[in-house]
C-alpha atoms as a PDB file:
ATOM      1  CA  MET A   1     132.518 129.281  80.744  1.00  0.00           C
ATOM      2  CA  SER A   2     132.898 129.426  84.855  1.00  0.00           C
ATOM      3  CA  GLN A   3     133.433 125.790  86.268  1.00  0.00           C
ATOM      4  CA  VAL A   4     130.139 126.548  88.103  1.00  0.00           C
ATOM      5  CA  LYS A   5     127.893 127.403  84.944  1.00  0.00           C
ATOM      6  CA  GLU A   6     129.654 124.547  83.935  1.00  0.00           C
ATOM      7  CA  LEU A   7     128.458 122.634  86.435  1.00  0.00           C
ATOM      8  CA  LEU A   8     124.799 124.057  87.199  1.00  0.00           C
ATOM      9  CA  ILE A   9     124.576 123.144  83.155  1.00  0.00           C
ATOM     10  CA  ASP A  10     125.482 119.460  84.023  1.00  0.00           C
ATOM     11  CA  GLN A  11     122.890 119.476  86.981  1.00  0.00           C
ATOM     12  CA  LEU A  12     120.369 120.842  84.927  1.00  0.00           C
ATOM     13  CA  GLN A  13     120.512 118.531  81.936  1.00  0.00           C
ATOM     14  CA  ASP A  14     120.556 115.091  84.583  1.00  0.00           C
ATOM     15  CA  LEU A  15     117.178 116.739  86.062  1.00  0.00           C
ATOM     16  CA  LEU A  16     116.339 117.184  82.537  1.00  0.00           C
ATOM     17  CA  HIS A  17     116.522 113.081  81.791  1.00  0.00           C
ATOM     18  CA  ALA A  18     115.300 112.504  85.356  1.00  0.00           C
ATOM     19  CA  GLU A  19     112.228 114.634  84.360  1.00  0.00           C
ATOM     20  CA  THR A  20     111.629 113.358  81.414  1.00  0.00           C
ATOM     21  CA  GLN A  21     111.567 109.163  82.895  1.00  0.00           C
ATOM     22  CA  LEU A  22     109.534 110.452  85.301  1.00  0.00           C
ATOM     23  CA  MET A  23     106.336 111.625  82.748  1.00  0.00           C
ATOM     24  CA  GLY A  24     106.701 108.086  81.588  1.00  0.00           C
ATOM     25  CA  ALA A  25     106.794 106.363  84.892  1.00  0.00           C
ATOM     26  CA  LEU A  26     104.009 108.416  86.809  1.00  0.00           C
ATOM     27  CA  PRO A  27     101.065 107.133  84.563  1.00  0.00           C
ATOM     28  CA  LYS A  28     101.420 103.564  85.888  1.00  0.00           C
ATOM     29  CA  MET A  29     101.726 104.844  89.648  1.00  0.00           C
ATOM     30  CA  ALA A  30      98.596 106.467  88.881  1.00  0.00           C
ATOM     31  CA  GLU A  31      97.165 103.336  87.440  1.00  0.00           C
ATOM     32  CA  ALA A  32      99.161 100.562  89.801  1.00  0.00           C
ATOM     33  CA  ALA A  33      97.284 102.976  92.947  1.00  0.00           C
ATOM     34  CA  ASP A  34      94.493 101.531  94.700  1.00  0.00           C
ATOM     35  CA  HIS A  35      94.014 104.489  96.940  1.00  0.00           C
ATOM     36  CA  PRO A  36      91.986 107.292  95.072  1.00  0.00           C
ATOM     37  CA  LYS A  37      93.481 110.047  96.601  1.00  0.00           C
ATOM     38  CA  LEU A  38      96.980 108.498  95.798  1.00  0.00           C
ATOM     39  CA  ARG A  39      95.991 107.983  91.668  1.00  0.00           C
ATOM     40  CA  GLN A  40      94.925 111.824  91.892  1.00  0.00           C
ATOM     41  CA  ALA A  41      98.109 112.337  93.967  1.00  0.00           C
ATOM     42  CA  PHE A  42     100.027 111.004  90.943  1.00  0.00           C
ATOM     43  CA  GLU A  43      98.237 112.588  88.326  1.00  0.00           C
ATOM     44  CA  LYS A  44      98.600 115.434  89.663  1.00  0.00           C
ATOM     45  CA  HIS A  45     102.371 115.424  89.533  1.00  0.00           C
ATOM     46  CA  GLN A  46     102.307 113.909  86.329  1.00  0.00           C
ATOM     47  CA  LEU A  47     101.503 117.748  84.867  1.00  0.00           C
ATOM     48  CA  GLU A  48     103.657 119.702  87.071  1.00  0.00           C
ATOM     49  CA  THR A  49     106.466 117.265  85.742  1.00  0.00           C
ATOM     50  CA  GLU A  50     105.635 118.524  82.282  1.00  0.00           C
ATOM     51  CA  ASN A  51     105.845 122.157  83.902  1.00  0.00           C
ATOM     52  CA  HIS A  52     109.101 121.201  85.894  1.00  0.00           C
ATOM     53  CA  VAL A  53     110.639 119.575  81.725  1.00  0.00           C
ATOM     54  CA  GLU A  54     108.835 123.793  79.963  1.00  0.00           C
ATOM     55  CA  ARG A  55     111.009 125.556  83.291  1.00  0.00           C
ATOM     56  CA  LEU A  56     114.047 123.540  82.838  1.00  0.00           C
ATOM     57  CA  ARG A  57     113.985 124.507  79.234  1.00  0.00           C
ATOM     58  CA  ASN A  58     113.726 128.148  79.782  1.00  0.00           C
ATOM     59  CA  ILE A  59     116.623 127.950  81.811  1.00  0.00           C
ATOM     60  CA  PHE A  60     118.731 126.324  79.811  1.00  0.00           C
ATOM     61  CA  GLU A  61     117.607 129.573  76.877  1.00  0.00           C
ATOM     62  CA  ILE A  62     118.409 131.646  79.286  1.00  0.00           C
ATOM     63  CA  LEU A  63     122.160 130.194  79.939  1.00  0.00           C
ATOM     64  CA  GLY A  64     122.160 130.412  76.257  1.00  0.00           C
ATOM     65  CA  ALA A  65     123.501 126.784  76.582  1.00  0.00           C
ATOM     66  CA  ASN A  66     121.538 123.276  74.645  1.00  0.00           C
ATOM     67  CA  ALA A  67     118.724 121.057  76.701  1.00  0.00           C
ATOM     68  CA  GLU A  68     120.385 117.751  76.001  1.00  0.00           C
ATOM     69  CA  PRO A  69     119.250 115.589  78.168  1.00  0.00           C
ATOM     70  CA  LYS A  70     122.428 113.179  80.340  1.00  0.00           C
ATOM     71  CA  PRO A  71     121.406 110.214  81.208  1.00  0.00           C
ATOM     72  CA  CYS A  72     120.370 110.341  84.865  1.00  0.00           C
ATOM     73  CA  LYS A  73     121.512 106.707  85.985  1.00  0.00           C
ATOM     74  CA  ALA A  74     120.241 108.012  89.338  1.00  0.00           C
ATOM     75  CA  MET A  75     116.475 108.072  88.132  1.00  0.00           C
ATOM     76  CA  MET A  76     116.851 105.439  85.862  1.00  0.00           C
ATOM     77  CA  GLY A  77     117.645 102.980  88.901  1.00  0.00           C
ATOM     78  CA  LEU A  78     114.785 104.374  91.122  1.00  0.00           C
ATOM     79  CA  ILE A  79     112.077 104.187  88.838  1.00  0.00           C
ATOM     80  CA  GLU A  80     113.670 100.375  88.044  1.00  0.00           C
ATOM     81  CA  GLU A  81     112.797  99.540  91.745  1.00  0.00           C
ATOM     82  CA  GLY A  82     109.021 101.178  90.822  1.00  0.00           C
ATOM     83  CA  LYS A  83     107.747  98.803  88.300  1.00  0.00           C
ATOM     84  CA  GLU A  84     109.578  96.240  90.436  1.00  0.00           C
ATOM     85  CA  THR A  85     107.457  97.577  93.805  1.00  0.00           C
ATOM     86  CA  MET A  86     104.599  97.506  91.407  1.00  0.00           C
ATOM     87  CA  GLU A  87     105.285  94.018  90.212  1.00  0.00           C
ATOM     88  CA  GLU A  88     105.393  92.630  93.480  1.00  0.00           C
ATOM     89  CA  GLY A  89     102.327  94.865  94.349  1.00  0.00           C
ATOM     90  CA  SER A  90      99.735  91.511  93.618  1.00  0.00           C
ATOM     91  CA  GLU A  91     101.336  89.690  96.312  1.00  0.00           C
ATOM     92  CA  LYS A  92     100.246  92.583  98.691  1.00  0.00           C
ATOM     93  CA  THR A  93      97.157  93.886 100.189  1.00  0.00           C
ATOM     94  CA  PRO A  94      95.947  97.153  98.925  1.00  0.00           C
ATOM     95  CA  MET A  95      97.181  99.274 101.741  1.00  0.00           C
ATOM     96  CA  ALA A  96     100.090  97.468 101.611  1.00  0.00           C
ATOM     97  CA  ALA A  97     100.879  97.876  97.734  1.00  0.00           C
ATOM     98  CA  ASP A  98      99.975 101.462  97.988  1.00  0.00           C
ATOM     99  CA  LEU A  99     102.081 102.175 101.108  1.00  0.00           C
ATOM    100  CA  ALA A 100     105.095 100.580  98.930  1.00  0.00           C
ATOM    101  CA  LEU A 101     104.325 102.563  96.486  1.00  0.00           C
ATOM    102  CA  ILE A 102     104.460 105.466  98.123  1.00  0.00           C
ATOM    103  CA  ALA A 103     107.843 104.933  99.436  1.00  0.00           C
ATOM    104  CA  ALA A 104     109.028 104.002  95.968  1.00  0.00           C
ATOM    105  CA  ALA A 105     107.724 107.671  94.797  1.00  0.00           C
ATOM    106  CA  GLN A 106     109.264 109.255  97.759  1.00  0.00           C
ATOM    107  CA  ARG A 107     112.731 107.902  97.020  1.00  0.00           C
ATOM    108  CA  LEU A 108     111.749 109.617  93.530  1.00  0.00           C
ATOM    109  CA  GLU A 109     110.791 113.042  94.862  1.00  0.00           C
ATOM    110  CA  HIS A 110     113.440 113.157  97.463  1.00  0.00           C
ATOM    111  CA  TYR A 111     115.977 112.882  94.923  1.00  0.00           C
ATOM    112  CA  GLU A 112     114.740 116.004  92.839  1.00  0.00           C
ATOM    113  CA  ILE A 113     114.551 117.643  96.005  1.00  0.00           C
ATOM    114  CA  SER A 114     118.350 117.037  96.341  1.00  0.00           C
ATOM    115  CA  ALA A 115     119.524 117.987  92.552  1.00  0.00           C
ATOM    116  CA  TYR A 116     116.472 121.216  92.516  1.00  0.00           C
ATOM    117  CA  GLY A 117     118.391 122.653  95.690  1.00  0.00           C
ATOM    118  CA  THR A 118     121.824 122.226  95.113  1.00  0.00           C
ATOM    119  CA  ALA A 119     120.917 123.415  91.172  1.00  0.00           C
ATOM    120  CA  ARG A 120     118.997 126.472  92.309  1.00  0.00           C
ATOM    121  CA  SER A 121     121.860 126.967  94.801  1.00  0.00           C
ATOM    122  CA  LEU A 122     124.684 127.672  91.382  1.00  0.00           C
ATOM    123  CA  ALA A 123     122.095 129.753  90.444  1.00  0.00           C
ATOM    124  CA  ARG A 124     122.302 131.979  92.878  1.00  0.00           C
ATOM    125  CA  GLN A 125     126.326 131.923  93.205  1.00  0.00           C
ATOM    126  CA  LEU A 126     126.292 132.904  89.759  1.00  0.00           C
ATOM    127  CA  GLY A 127     123.832 135.672  89.451  1.00  0.00           C
ATOM    128  CA  GLN A 128     121.162 134.143  87.508  1.00  0.00           C
ATOM    129  CA  HIS A 129     118.501 135.319  89.614  1.00  0.00           C
ATOM    130  CA  ASP A 130     115.231 134.289  87.171  1.00  0.00           C
ATOM    131  CA  CYS A 131     116.443 130.858  87.301  1.00  0.00           C
ATOM    132  CA  ALA A 132     117.178 130.692  90.559  1.00  0.00           C
ATOM    133  CA  VAL A 133     113.247 131.654  90.851  1.00  0.00           C
ATOM    134  CA  LEU A 134     111.909 129.146  87.880  1.00  0.00           C
ATOM    135  CA  LEU A 135     114.136 126.641  90.267  1.00  0.00           C
ATOM    136  CA  SER A 136     112.611 127.234  93.271  1.00  0.00           C
ATOM    137  CA  ARG A 137     109.090 126.785  91.764  1.00  0.00           C
ATOM    138  CA  THR A 138     109.941 123.706  90.346  1.00  0.00           C
ATOM    139  CA  LEU A 139     111.542 122.855  94.654  1.00  0.00           C
ATOM    140  CA  GLY A 140     108.306 123.798  96.237  1.00  0.00           C
ATOM    141  CA  GLU A 141     106.340 121.763  93.781  1.00  0.00           C
ATOM    142  CA  GLU A 142     108.303 118.813  94.676  1.00  0.00           C
ATOM    143  CA  GLU A 143     108.099 119.347  98.121  1.00  0.00           C
ATOM    144  CA  SER A 144     104.954 119.656  98.064  1.00  0.00           C
ATOM    145  CA  THR A 145     104.096 116.604  96.282  1.00  0.00           C
ATOM    146  CA  ASP A 146     106.111 114.864  99.356  1.00  0.00           C
ATOM    147  CA  PHE A 147     104.271 115.850 101.840  1.00  0.00           C
ATOM    148  CA  LEU A 148     100.885 114.896 100.354  1.00  0.00           C
ATOM    149  CA  LEU A 149     102.691 111.558 100.254  1.00  0.00           C
ATOM    150  CA  THR A 150     103.250 111.701 103.436  1.00  0.00           C
ATOM    151  CA  ALA A 151     100.003 112.684 104.440  1.00  0.00           C
ATOM    152  CA  ILE A 152      98.178 110.146 102.700  1.00  0.00           C
ATOM    153  CA  ALA A 153     101.134 107.616 104.049  1.00  0.00           C
ATOM    154  CA  ASP A 154      99.858 107.932 107.781  1.00  0.00           C
ATOM    155  CA  PRO A 155      96.360 107.025 107.258  1.00  0.00           C
ATOM    156  CA  ILE A 156      97.658 104.112 105.920  1.00  0.00           C
ATOM    157  CA  VAL A 157     100.467 102.715 107.962  1.00  0.00           C
ATOM    158  CA  GLN A 158      98.008 103.394 111.298  1.00  0.00           C
ATOM    159  CA  GLN A 159      95.237 100.832 109.309  1.00  0.00           C
ATOM    160  CA  LEU A 160      97.874  98.482 108.450  1.00  0.00           C
ATOM    161  CA  SER A 161      98.966  98.444 112.207  1.00  0.00           C
ATOM    162  CA  LEU A 162      95.510  97.685 113.927  1.00  0.00           C
ATOM    163  CA  ASP A 163      95.301  95.199 110.980  1.00  0.00           C
ATOM    164  CA  ASP A 164      98.414  93.282 112.204  1.00  0.00           C
ATOM    165  CA  ALA A 165      97.457  93.555 115.652  1.00  0.00           C
ATOM    166  CA  GLY A 166      93.500  92.095 115.061  1.00  0.00           C
ATOM    167  CA  ALA A 167      91.850  95.347 116.350  1.00  0.00           C
ATOM    168  CA  ASP A 168      88.742  96.742 114.559  1.00  0.00           C
ATOM    169  CA  VAL A 169      88.671 100.670 114.745  1.00  0.00           C
ATOM    170  CA  ASN A 170      87.155 103.165 112.830  1.00  0.00           C
ATOM    171  CA  LEU A 171      89.835 105.476 111.769  1.00  0.00           C
ATOM    172  CA  GLU A 172      87.801 108.222 110.883  1.00  0.00           C
ATOM    173  CA  GLY A 173      86.321 108.056 114.804  1.00  0.00           C
ATOM    174  CA  LEU A 174      89.723 108.359 116.371  1.00  0.00           C
ATOM    175  CA  GLU A 175      90.674 111.749 114.031  1.00  0.00           C
ATOM    176  CA  LYS A 176      87.457 113.126 115.346  1.00  0.00           C
ATOM    177  CA  LEU A 177      87.887 112.256 118.938  1.00  0.00           C
ATOM    178  CA  ASP A 178      91.903 113.403 118.578  1.00  0.00           C
ATOM    179  CA  ASP A 179      90.449 116.935 117.235  1.00  0.00           C
ATOM    180  CA  GLN A 180      87.945 117.365 120.152  1.00  0.00           C
ATOM    181  CA  SER A 181      90.407 116.396 122.695  1.00  0.00           C
ATOM    182  CA  LYS A 182      92.649 119.557 121.123  1.00  0.00           C
ATOM    183  CA  SER A 183      89.862 121.955 120.588  1.00  0.00           C
ATOM    184  CA  SER A 184      88.578 121.699 124.085  1.00  0.00           C
ATOM    185  CA  GLY A 185      92.519 122.570 125.430  1.00  0.00           C
ATOM    186  CA  ARG A 186      93.070 118.388 127.804  1.00  0.00           C
ATOM    187  CA  LYS A 187      94.863 118.856 130.686  1.00  0.00           C
ATOM    188  CA  GLY A 188      95.926 115.381 130.758  1.00  0.00           C
ATOM    189  CA  VAL A 189      94.468 111.708 130.438  1.00  0.00           C
ATOM    190  CA  GLN A 190      91.639 110.941 132.954  1.00  0.00           C
ATOM    191  CA  ARG A 191      92.008 107.897 134.547  1.00  0.00           C
ATOM    192  CA  PRO A 192      88.662 105.423 134.489  1.00  0.00           C
ATOM    193  CA  ARG A 193      86.425 105.609 137.345  1.00  0.00           C
ATOM    194  CA  LYS A 194      87.201 102.166 138.873  1.00  0.00           C
ATOM    195  CA  MET A 195      90.643 103.017 138.574  1.00  0.00           C
ATOM    196  CA  ARG A 196      90.533 105.607 140.861  1.00  0.00           C
ATOM    197  CA  GLU A 197      88.118 103.778 143.319  1.00  0.00           C
ATOM    198  CA  ALA A 198      90.880 101.233 143.375  1.00  0.00           C
ATOM    199  CA  ARG A 199      94.088 103.452 144.010  1.00  0.00           C
ATOM    200  CA  SER A 200      92.054 105.888 146.686  1.00  0.00           C
ATOM    201  CA  GLY A 201      90.878 102.588 148.524  1.00  0.00           C
ATOM    202  CA  ALA A 202      94.402 101.241 148.210  1.00  0.00           C
ATOM    203  CA  ALA A 203      95.869 104.431 149.925  1.00  0.00           C
END
């Protein structure tokens, strides 16, 4: 067996264990989520993760290797941190708890994105096109999940910042105004009338 193939199999065994652990963690994360969209994102990724495991098993079969999970200490540590985040969530506001949960989830996703990217590169180097295609599909789903989590987190961060400042602003209204300004091709920010008159008088 070539060194590259041996390394690929080692990476895949690590990923198989990581994905199996994640399958057990995602339902707990979904249950801990307060925001409906965040809960749905975790539930959706649970189904995707089940497919990821099946793809990995298919890849092992293509390579003629045993699908034996190798303990992934990195994922084990990240999931343990996620458990601590969920436990500490009871001491936070629902939005702050969700934001902390998203941060923990994205650390998991970033690990997987890195690992699948490496595995795909090794498969390509070996000329294993079918394996590379399967790995690309999973990599794309991991990246999409990360993007979705960011999209969910952004308005939560904005609202928390407003709360900290003691402001009471309708974020939905702000988004509509922002969309309107973009569609109208706004050239610049207009100063209030009184400010313009004051500047004119000073001149």
